[in-house]
Amino acid sequence: MKTNTAEIISDRNVVYFDIREGILARLKPYLIDEYYEAGQELEIHPDDDSLYYVLSGQVEVSYEEQGTRIIVAIIGEKEFFGEVGFIDGTTRVRHIKASQASHILKLTRREFNRLRLEDPILFGEVVHLISLSICKRFRQVVAESRPLNGYSAALTDGRVPLFKEVKPIPDHVLTHELWRQVGEQVEKFKGTMYEIANDIQMIDEEDIFDTCYPRVKALIDEFDAYIELLSRRNVFDEEFLNYVWGYVFKEIFPYFMRSRFAQRAYFKPKGYAGDFLMMEAIYRNEPDGEGPLGLLIDRYCLDTPPARAVRERRRLLSGLIEDEVRSKLVRGTYSANDKIRIMNLACGSNRELFDFLARFDRTEVIEALCIDADKDALTYTAMEVNVFPHLAGIKLMQENVVKWAIGRSKHDFEKQDIIYSAGLTDYLDDRLFTRLVKRAWEYLKPGGILILSNFSINNPNKAWMDHILQWKLIHRSESDMKRLFQAGGFGGQVDVFHEKEGVNLFAVGRKEV
């Protein structure tokens, strides 16, 4: 008879918990009971190598980065913490705070040594119990490596050089009619750009945008329209097209390199193009580049439909959050003793969340958990974005969202009213997208919503992003978004729409009540 693996794991967990509770009951004479109110710091000395167990409640583990407290773990009931340091004798300075009223059991090194002398059998059982807890953590790390590697590869796609070595172009490529046509378009682009660059030298700096930008925009628009059409010609094999696109990139990118936007997109200093500093540059919408020509090209990049769509995404997400929060207050589904909980996944600088808080008159009802793998994004949020008075509870947590999505990251999160993410799923294949949706569904309250945005297959600048900037995203259709949400547990309760540019899709799924 075939046995369900999930049932085996569940049964093992039940047995493990039963054994653990029995051992803890016998261990009681050696344990210290500590009680903490919500918000109270645990009294842990930097040299303390004790073992801790959350009997009830919840604690948050965090560290400080440039004065910003960043959460790294949320530990719930029936979980150990400090077990690795307890075994190997090393300690790390962390802040630990009770996020709920908590009852903590503490086993000091001194009591552990006394146990070894007085009850060797129980001592061995405790060591075995600690070992199981450590093995569980490391097994999660090993198990998550393959999907995380895939995610990493998706994020860094295009970060390596397009060609790793110089090699001759085959005769059949050089003599092909398409190669001649592409060459004509490339030379036309370069020649006109050269003329514009020369003309700029004769124009006062304050007049270059009025005088030269229309010419730059018309030139790049024309070339972009050509490569968009070229990208849809699927009658050539991959090797042939690699030579074509390699040639286009080599000849055209040096002009775009003058733009700070294009430079950051290509070189990906944080490993992927759409990092929080890139988003901040798009939000500021102020051209920056090398020389007057660089400023003009950067202006073009910031004016493209994808960049405009990113700015519109910020506005639209902020509005969706506000509408849902106000709806909960009006419907009376919010309890005065509870909070309206918002979770932002791969949060970046959290602009859309704080745009909402800045105009909302009931911020005391909001508790937001903002999660990102990049600690710089979290410190930026604290120092540059969360800078106006409000009463919302804001928690910043450093964690890889994909680890959470695939179930390998263990945190005792509260159930959420709103979970959202702006731009993460553009880098996730369908398998990881579905895992993210399923995980979010599990952590939503009944009636809660999940909001995910994704670039649309109707993006008019896809070829420019793919082949000039090397900023490759997974573009999806409305039917794709509905299919993936439904596969993740939302059934038919999914709405999909786009912002006014038609470049960004938004899927909103509501968990049944």
Foldseek 3Di string as FASTA:
>chain_A
DDDDPVVVVVVVVVVLLVLVVVLCVVCVVQKDKDKDAAFAWDDDDQQFQKKKAWQAAKKWKWDDDPNDTATAFIDGHGAIPSLVCNVVVDGDDIIMGGNHTTIMIIHGPVSLVVCCVPPVVSNVVVVVSSVVNVVLLVVLVVVCVVVVVLLLCLQQQLQDDLDPDDDDDDPVLVPDPVLVVLVVLLVVLVVQLVVLVVVVVVDDLVCCCVPPLVVVLVSVVVSLLVLLVVVPPPPDDPVSVSVSLVVSQVRPQVLQCQWPLLVCLNNVPVNHRPALVSLVCLLVLQTDGHPSSRSSSNNSVSPALVSVQSNVVLVVVLVVVLVLVVVCVVVVVDDPVAAQEEEEAQCQLVQSVLVNQVPDDPQLRYEYEYEHQDVVSVVCNVPPPPPDDDNYHYHHYHDHLLSLLQPSRDHDDAAHQEYEYEPSCQSPDLVSLLSNLLSNLVRHDQFHKYKYKYFAPPRSNQSCSCRHSVNHTRHYHPVSVQVSNVSSPQNPQKDWDGPPSNTMIMIMGTHHD
